[in-house]
Amino acid sequence: MLQGWRTVVLAIAATAIAGGVIGVLIGALTGQWLLWIGVMVAVGAGFGVALAYGFLPES
């Protein structure tokens, strides 16, 4: 059970970090760093939740 939660947390963290990196790139282009970093971290974390749901066992 604990291993499953560890996988979920790692998936969410990894996609949130990846979203943050993309947010930095978009923020550099638009000049609105904090807005895009925040938006993309939230989008990345949401994607991580959806991705991590697939990692959970069925039972």
PDB file of N, CA and C in Angstrom:
ATOM      1  N   MET A   1       0.821  -1.194   0.000  1.00  0.00           N
ATOM      2  CA  MET A   1       0.000   0.000   0.000  1.00  0.00           C
ATOM      3  C   MET A   1       0.868   1.262   0.000  1.00  0.00           C
ATOM      4  N   LEU A   2       1.892   1.250   0.847  1.00  0.00           N
ATOM      5  CA  LEU A   2       2.776   2.415   0.926  1.00  0.00           C
ATOM      6  C   LEU A   2       3.547   2.612  -0.379  1.00  0.00           C
ATOM      7  N   GLN A   3       3.922   1.524  -1.019  1.00  0.00           N
ATOM      8  CA  GLN A   3       4.623   1.614  -2.302  1.00  0.00           C
ATOM      9  C   GLN A   3       3.732   2.264  -3.360  1.00  0.00           C
ATOM     10  N   GLY A   4       2.443   1.950  -3.334  1.00  0.00           N
ATOM     11  CA  GLY A   4       1.514   2.566  -4.280  1.00  0.00           C
ATOM     12  C   GLY A   4       1.401   4.063  -4.084  1.00  0.00           C
ATOM     13  N   TRP A   5       1.327   4.509  -2.841  1.00  0.00           N
ATOM     14  CA  TRP A   5       1.248   5.941  -2.553  1.00  0.00           C
ATOM     15  C   TRP A   5       2.531   6.659  -2.932  1.00  0.00           C
ATOM     16  N   ARG A   6       3.653   5.974  -2.742  1.00  0.00           N
ATOM     17  CA  ARG A   6       4.939   6.561  -3.131  1.00  0.00           C
ATOM     18  C   ARG A   6       4.974   6.792  -4.637  1.00  0.00           C
ATOM     19  N   THR A   7       4.481   5.848  -5.398  1.00  0.00           N
ATOM     20  CA  THR A   7       4.429   5.978  -6.850  1.00  0.00           C
ATOM     21  C   THR A   7       3.524   7.130  -7.266  1.00  0.00           C
ATOM     22  N   VAL A   8       2.397   7.272  -6.606  1.00  0.00           N
ATOM     23  CA  VAL A   8       1.459   8.355  -6.906  1.00  0.00           C
ATOM     24  C   VAL A   8       2.102   9.705  -6.624  1.00  0.00           C
ATOM     25  N   VAL A   9       2.724   9.843  -5.468  1.00  0.00           N
ATOM     26  CA  VAL A   9       3.345  11.114  -5.102  1.00  0.00           C
ATOM     27  C   VAL A   9       4.484  11.453  -6.060  1.00  0.00           C
ATOM     28  N   LEU A  10       5.283  10.464  -6.436  1.00  0.00           N
ATOM     29  CA  LEU A  10       6.376  10.711  -7.371  1.00  0.00           C
ATOM     30  C   LEU A  10       5.869  11.116  -8.750  1.00  0.00           C
ATOM     31  N   ALA A  11       4.794  10.507  -9.199  1.00  0.00           N
ATOM     32  CA  ALA A  11       4.226  10.872 -10.506  1.00  0.00           C
ATOM     33  C   ALA A  11       3.710  12.303 -10.491  1.00  0.00           C
ATOM     34  N   ILE A  12       3.030  12.685  -9.415  1.00  0.00           N
ATOM     35  CA  ILE A  12       2.510  14.053  -9.311  1.00  0.00           C
ATOM     36  C   ILE A  12       3.655  15.053  -9.223  1.00  0.00           C
ATOM     37  N   ALA A  13       4.659  14.757  -8.421  1.00  0.00           N
ATOM     38  CA  ALA A  13       5.796  15.672  -8.274  1.00  0.00           C
ATOM     39  C   ALA A  13       6.564  15.815  -9.585  1.00  0.00           C
ATOM     40  N   ALA A  14       6.778  14.716 -10.279  1.00  0.00           N
ATOM     41  CA  ALA A  14       7.536  14.772 -11.530  1.00  0.00           C
ATOM     42  C   ALA A  14       6.814  15.596 -12.589  1.00  0.00           C
ATOM     43  N   THR A  15       5.517  15.415 -12.715  1.00  0.00           N
ATOM     44  CA  THR A  15       4.791  16.177 -13.727  1.00  0.00           C
ATOM     45  C   THR A  15       4.637  17.644 -13.317  1.00  0.00           C
ATOM     46  N   ALA A  16       4.545  17.924 -12.014  1.00  0.00           N
ATOM     47  CA  ALA A  16       4.489  19.315 -11.558  1.00  0.00           C
ATOM     48  C   ALA A  16       5.819  20.013 -11.840  1.00  0.00           C
ATOM     49  N   ILE A  17       6.928  19.325 -11.630  1.00  0.00           N
ATOM     50  CA  ILE A  17       8.236  19.915 -11.925  1.00  0.00           C
ATOM     51  C   ILE A  17       8.389  20.142 -13.429  1.00  0.00           C
ATOM     52  N   ALA A  18       7.969  19.168 -14.214  1.00  0.00           N
ATOM     53  CA  ALA A  18       8.035  19.334 -15.674  1.00  0.00           C
ATOM     54  C   ALA A  18       7.159  20.509 -16.121  1.00  0.00           C
ATOM     55  N   GLY A  19       5.988  20.642 -15.522  1.00  0.00           N
ATOM     56  CA  GLY A  19       5.130  21.790 -15.826  1.00  0.00           C
ATOM     57  C   GLY A  19       5.779  23.103 -15.432  1.00  0.00           C
ATOM     58  N   GLY A  20       6.492  23.103 -14.308  1.00  0.00           N
ATOM     59  CA  GLY A  20       7.194  24.307 -13.881  1.00  0.00           C
ATOM     60  C   GLY A  20       8.282  24.711 -14.857  1.00  0.00           C
ATOM     61  N   VAL A  21       8.988  23.737 -15.395  1.00  0.00           N
ATOM     62  CA  VAL A  21      10.028  24.030 -16.394  1.00  0.00           C
ATOM     63  C   VAL A  21       9.402  24.627 -17.654  1.00  0.00           C
ATOM     64  N   ILE A  22       8.304  24.059 -18.080  1.00  0.00           N
ATOM     65  CA  ILE A  22       7.606  24.606 -19.252  1.00  0.00           C
ATOM     66  C   ILE A  22       7.076  26.002 -18.936  1.00  0.00           C
ATOM     67  N   GLY A  23       6.615  26.193 -17.699  1.00  0.00           N
ATOM     68  CA  GLY A  23       6.153  27.517 -17.278  1.00  0.00           C
ATOM     69  C   GLY A  23       7.260  28.554 -17.308  1.00  0.00           C
ATOM     70  N   VAL A  24       8.468  28.157 -16.945  1.00  0.00           N
ATOM     71  CA  VAL A  24       9.608  29.075 -17.022  1.00  0.00           C
ATOM     72  C   VAL A  24       9.862  29.472 -18.473  1.00  0.00           C
ATOM     73  N   LEU A  25       9.793  28.504 -19.365  1.00  0.00           N
ATOM     74  CA  LEU A  25      10.024  28.801 -20.776  1.00  0.00           C
ATOM     75  C   LEU A  25       8.951  29.737 -21.343  1.00  0.00           C
ATOM     76  N   ILE A  26       7.700  29.468 -21.029  1.00  0.00           N
ATOM     77  CA  ILE A  26       6.619  30.340 -21.512  1.00  0.00           C
ATOM     78  C   ILE A  26       6.711  31.708 -20.844  1.00  0.00           C
ATOM     79  N   GLY A  27       7.034  31.722 -19.561  1.00  0.00           N
ATOM     80  CA  GLY A  27       7.180  32.990 -18.847  1.00  0.00           C
ATOM     81  C   GLY A  27       8.299  33.846 -19.413  1.00  0.00           C
ATOM     82  N   ALA A  28       9.374  33.218 -19.863  1.00  0.00           N
ATOM     83  CA  ALA A  28      10.468  33.976 -20.468  1.00  0.00           C
ATOM     84  C   ALA A  28      10.033  34.620 -21.783  1.00  0.00           C
ATOM     85  N   LEU A  29       9.172  33.936 -22.507  1.00  0.00           N
ATOM     86  CA  LEU A  29       8.697  34.497 -23.770  1.00  0.00           C
ATOM     87  C   LEU A  29       7.705  35.635 -23.565  1.00  0.00           C
ATOM     88  N   THR A  30       6.855  35.520 -22.554  1.00  0.00           N
ATOM     89  CA  THR A  30       5.801  36.517 -22.357  1.00  0.00           C
ATOM     90  C   THR A  30       6.168  37.604 -21.360  1.00  0.00           C
ATOM     91  N   GLY A  31       7.154  37.345 -20.500  1.00  0.00           N
ATOM     92  CA  GLY A  31       7.531  38.322 -19.486  1.00  0.00           C
ATOM     93  C   GLY A  31       6.697  38.230 -18.225  1.00  0.00           C
ATOM     94  N   GLN A  32       5.831  37.244 -18.122  1.00  0.00           N
ATOM     95  CA  GLN A  32       4.990  37.055 -16.935  1.00  0.00           C
ATOM     96  C   GLN A  32       5.375  35.733 -16.278  1.00  0.00           C
ATOM     97  N   TRP A  33       6.510  35.755 -15.592  1.00  0.00           N
ATOM     98  CA  TRP A  33       7.097  34.547 -15.035  1.00  0.00           C
ATOM     99  C   TRP A  33       6.170  33.845 -14.053  1.00  0.00           C
ATOM    100  N   LEU A  34       5.756  34.553 -13.009  1.00  0.00           N
ATOM    101  CA  LEU A  34       5.002  33.912 -11.927  1.00  0.00           C
ATOM    102  C   LEU A  34       3.657  33.373 -12.387  1.00  0.00           C
ATOM    103  N   LEU A  35       3.013  34.086 -13.274  1.00  0.00           N
ATOM    104  CA  LEU A  35       1.715  33.632 -13.778  1.00  0.00           C
ATOM    105  C   LEU A  35       1.857  32.291 -14.481  1.00  0.00           C
ATOM    106  N   TRP A  36       2.796  32.209 -15.412  1.00  0.00           N
ATOM    107  CA  TRP A  36       2.922  30.996 -16.206  1.00  0.00           C
ATOM    108  C   TRP A  36       3.530  29.846 -15.433  1.00  0.00           C
ATOM    109  N   ILE A  37       4.420  30.140 -14.518  1.00  0.00           N
ATOM    110  CA  ILE A  37       4.958  29.057 -13.684  1.00  0.00           C
ATOM    111  C   ILE A  37       3.838  28.457 -12.845  1.00  0.00           C
ATOM    112  N   GLY A  38       3.027  29.304 -12.223  1.00  0.00           N
ATOM    113  CA  GLY A  38       1.910  28.818 -11.413  1.00  0.00           C
ATOM    114  C   GLY A  38       0.893  28.037 -12.217  1.00  0.00           C
ATOM    115  N   VAL A  39       0.549  28.561 -13.382  1.00  0.00           N
ATOM    116  CA  VAL A  39      -0.441  27.885 -14.227  1.00  0.00           C
ATOM    117  C   VAL A  39       0.076  26.528 -14.679  1.00  0.00           C
ATOM    118  N   MET A  40       1.302  26.480 -15.126  1.00  0.00           N
ATOM    119  CA  MET A  40       1.830  25.227 -15.657  1.00  0.00           C
ATOM    120  C   MET A  40       2.127  24.201 -14.564  1.00  0.00           C
ATOM    121  N   VAL A  41       2.482  24.654 -13.367  1.00  0.00           N
ATOM    122  CA  VAL A  41       2.640  23.706 -12.254  1.00  0.00           C
ATOM    123  C   VAL A  41       1.283  23.096 -11.907  1.00  0.00           C
ATOM    124  N   ALA A  42       0.244  23.912 -11.899  1.00  0.00           N
ATOM    125  CA  ALA A  42      -1.093  23.392 -11.610  1.00  0.00           C
ATOM    126  C   ALA A  42      -1.548  22.415 -12.687  1.00  0.00           C
ATOM    127  N   VAL A  43      -1.295  22.744 -13.943  1.00  0.00           N
ATOM    128  CA  VAL A  43      -1.661  21.844 -15.035  1.00  0.00           C
ATOM    129  C   VAL A  43      -0.855  20.551 -14.942  1.00  0.00           C
ATOM    130  N   GLY A  44       0.439  20.669 -14.650  1.00  0.00           N
ATOM    131  CA  GLY A  44       1.283  19.487 -14.519  1.00  0.00           C
ATOM    132  C   GLY A  44       0.857  18.598 -13.373  1.00  0.00           C
ATOM    133  N   ALA A  45       0.504  19.198 -12.244  1.00  0.00           N
ATOM    134  CA  ALA A  45       0.046  18.410 -11.105  1.00  0.00           C
ATOM    135  C   ALA A  45      -1.280  17.717 -11.420  1.00  0.00           C
ATOM    136  N   GLY A  46      -2.156  18.408 -12.106  1.00  0.00           N
ATOM    137  CA  GLY A  46      -3.422  17.779 -12.519  1.00  0.00           C
ATOM    138  C   GLY A  46      -3.191  16.613 -13.455  1.00  0.00           C
ATOM    139  N   PHE A  47      -2.260  16.776 -14.375  1.00  0.00           N
ATOM    140  CA  PHE A  47      -1.905  15.674 -15.266  1.00  0.00           C
ATOM    141  C   PHE A  47      -1.287  14.533 -14.470  1.00  0.00           C
ATOM    142  N   GLY A  48      -0.506  14.874 -13.460  1.00  0.00           N
ATOM    143  CA  GLY A  48       0.102  13.851 -12.610  1.00  0.00           C
ATOM    144  C   GLY A  48      -0.929  13.057 -11.841  1.00  0.00           C
ATOM    145  N   VAL A  49      -1.975  13.720 -11.379  1.00  0.00           N
ATOM    146  CA  VAL A  49      -3.052  13.013 -10.677  1.00  0.00           C
ATOM    147  C   VAL A  49      -3.727  12.033 -11.626  1.00  0.00           C
ATOM    148  N   ALA A  50      -4.005  12.480 -12.839  1.00  0.00           N
ATOM    149  CA  ALA A  50      -4.640  11.593 -13.816  1.00  0.00           C
ATOM    150  C   ALA A  50      -3.724  10.433 -14.190  1.00  0.00           C
ATOM    151  N   LEU A  51      -2.444  10.718 -14.344  1.00  0.00           N
ATOM    152  CA  LEU A  51      -1.484   9.675 -14.675  1.00  0.00           C
ATOM    153  C   LEU A  51      -1.316   8.696 -13.516  1.00  0.00           C
ATOM    154  N   ALA A  52      -1.231   9.204 -12.307  1.00  0.00           N
ATOM    155  CA  ALA A  52      -1.032   8.360 -11.136  1.00  0.00           C
ATOM    156  C   ALA A  52      -2.239   7.470 -10.858  1.00  0.00           C
ATOM    157  N   TYR A  53      -3.424   7.916 -11.237  1.00  0.00           N
ATOM    158  CA  TYR A  53      -4.617   7.091 -11.062  1.00  0.00           C
ATOM    159  C   TYR A  53      -4.467   5.766 -11.808  1.00  0.00           C
ATOM    160  N   GLY A  54      -3.771   5.787 -12.936  1.00  0.00           N
ATOM    161  CA  GLY A  54      -3.534   4.577 -13.702  1.00  0.00           C
ATOM    162  C   GLY A  54      -2.538   3.640 -13.019  1.00  0.00           C
ATOM    163  N   PHE A  55      -1.718   4.161 -12.130  1.00  0.00           N
ATOM    164  CA  PHE A  55      -0.726   3.343 -11.428  1.00  0.00           C
ATOM    165  C   PHE A  55      -1.319   2.597 -10.237  1.00  0.00           C
ATOM    166  N   LEU A  56      -2.500   3.002  -9.775  1.00  0.00           N
ATOM    167  CA  LEU A  56      -3.082   2.378  -8.606  1.00  0.00           C
ATOM    168  C   LEU A  56      -3.563   0.963  -8.940  1.00  0.00           C
ATOM    169  N   PRO A  57      -3.416   0.045  -8.009  1.00  0.00           N
ATOM    170  CA  PRO A  57      -3.919  -1.316  -8.261  1.00  0.00           C
ATOM    171  C   PRO A  57      -5.448  -1.328  -8.272  1.00  0.00           C
ATOM    172  N   GLU A  58      -6.003  -2.310  -8.932  1.00  0.00           N
ATOM    173  CA  GLU A  58      -7.455  -2.381  -9.059  1.00  0.00           C
ATOM    174  C   GLU A  58      -8.135  -2.782  -7.767  1.00  0.00           C
ATOM    175  N   SER A  59      -7.472  -3.551  -6.953  1.00  0.00           N
ATOM    176  CA  SER A  59      -8.131  -4.009  -5.725  1.00  0.00           C
ATOM    177  C   SER A  59      -7.801  -3.129  -4.545  1.00  0.00           C
TER     178      SER A  59
END
